[in-house]
Amino acid sequence: MTRVSATEFKNNIGTYSDAAMTEPVIITSHQRDRLVLMSADEYRRLTGLRDGITDDDKERISRGLERHRNTIIELANR
């Protein structure tokens, strides 16, 4: 598993996005694990979501993304 600082991730987002297609990438802040970047397929496997995403699934995903939005923006701006 790859571990990278938020600054390194921000500066090389393409590299780490590509890496996340094959293994999770842990993004750290102040030497603490903060986020995990993974492929959409792996996310679906872990959450049990399938190709037929229901409206309830979409709403749940949307709420989760919004909950983490500020953290992602904050890390990107560091």
Protein backbone atom coordinates (compact mmCIF):
# COMPACT_ATOMS: atom_id res chain seq x y z
CA MET A 1 0.00 0.00 0.00
CA THR A 2 1.31 3.46 -0.89
CA ARG A 3 1.46 6.17 1.80
CA VAL A 4 1.93 9.80 0.75
CA SER A 5 1.69 13.25 2.35
CA ALA A 6 -1.15 15.52 1.31
CA THR A 7 1.36 17.91 -0.28
CA GLU A 8 3.00 15.14 -2.29
CA PHE A 9 -0.44 13.90 -3.35
CA LYS A 10 -1.50 17.40 -4.43
CA ASN A 11 1.70 17.88 -6.43
CA ASN A 12 1.43 14.49 -8.16
CA ILE A 13 -2.28 13.73 -8.20
CA GLY A 14 -2.15 11.94 -11.56
CA THR A 15 0.55 9.54 -10.42
CA TYR A 16 -1.27 8.63 -7.24
CA SER A 17 -4.65 8.42 -8.97
CA ASP A 18 -3.12 5.88 -11.34
CA ALA A 19 -1.58 3.99 -8.41
CA ALA A 20 -4.98 3.86 -6.67
CA MET A 21 -6.33 1.82 -9.56
CA THR A 22 -4.28 -1.15 -8.35
CA GLU A 23 -3.93 -0.53 -4.60
CA PRO A 24 -5.24 1.91 -2.00
CA VAL A 25 -3.22 5.09 -1.49
CA ILE A 26 -3.15 6.46 2.06
CA ILE A 27 -2.92 10.25 2.19
CA THR A 28 -1.42 11.63 5.38
CA SER A 29 -1.52 15.01 7.08
CA HIS A 30 0.88 15.87 9.88
CA GLN A 31 2.11 12.25 9.77
CA ARG A 32 -1.40 10.90 10.46
CA ASP A 33 -3.49 8.83 8.09
CA ARG A 34 -6.31 11.08 6.87
CA LEU A 35 -7.74 9.70 3.63
CA VAL A 36 -7.65 6.60 1.49
CA LEU A 37 -7.87 6.87 -2.29
CA MET A 38 -9.06 3.76 -4.09
CA SER A 39 -10.56 2.76 -7.41
CA ALA A 40 -14.29 3.06 -7.91
CA ASP A 41 -14.46 -0.71 -8.49
CA GLU A 42 -12.81 -1.37 -5.13
CA TYR A 43 -15.15 1.11 -3.43
CA ARG A 44 -18.17 -0.64 -4.96
CA ARG A 45 -16.81 -4.02 -3.87
CA LEU A 46 -16.31 -2.85 -0.28
CA THR A 47 -19.68 -1.12 0.00
CA GLY A 48 -21.63 -3.80 -1.81
CA LEU A 49 -22.79 -1.40 -4.51
CA ARG A 50 -23.34 -2.93 -7.92
CA ASP A 51 -23.87 -1.57 -11.40
CA GLY A 52 -27.55 -1.02 -10.66
CA ILE A 53 -27.20 1.87 -8.23
CA THR A 54 -30.50 2.87 -6.68
CA ASP A 55 -31.60 6.42 -5.89
CA ASP A 56 -31.05 5.62 -2.19
CA ASP A 57 -27.47 4.57 -3.01
CA LYS A 58 -26.90 7.81 -4.94
CA GLU A 59 -28.19 9.87 -2.03
CA ARG A 60 -26.02 8.01 0.48
CA ILE A 61 -22.93 8.43 -1.71
CA SER A 62 -23.71 12.11 -2.23
CA ARG A 63 -24.00 12.70 1.52
CA GLY A 64 -20.71 10.91 2.13
CA LEU A 65 -18.90 12.90 -0.54
CA GLU A 66 -20.27 16.17 0.78
CA ARG A 67 -19.23 15.23 4.32
CA HIS A 68 -15.61 14.80 3.15
CA ARG A 69 -15.59 17.68 0.64
CA ASN A 70 -14.07 20.26 2.99
CA THR A 71 -11.31 17.90 4.10
CA ILE A 72 -10.33 17.16 0.51
CA ILE A 73 -10.31 20.86 -0.37
CA GLU A 74 -8.30 21.71 2.75
CA LEU A 75 -5.69 19.07 1.96
CA ALA A 76 -5.48 20.19 -1.66
CA ASN A 77 -4.82 23.77 -0.59
CA ARG A 78 -1.89 22.90 1.69
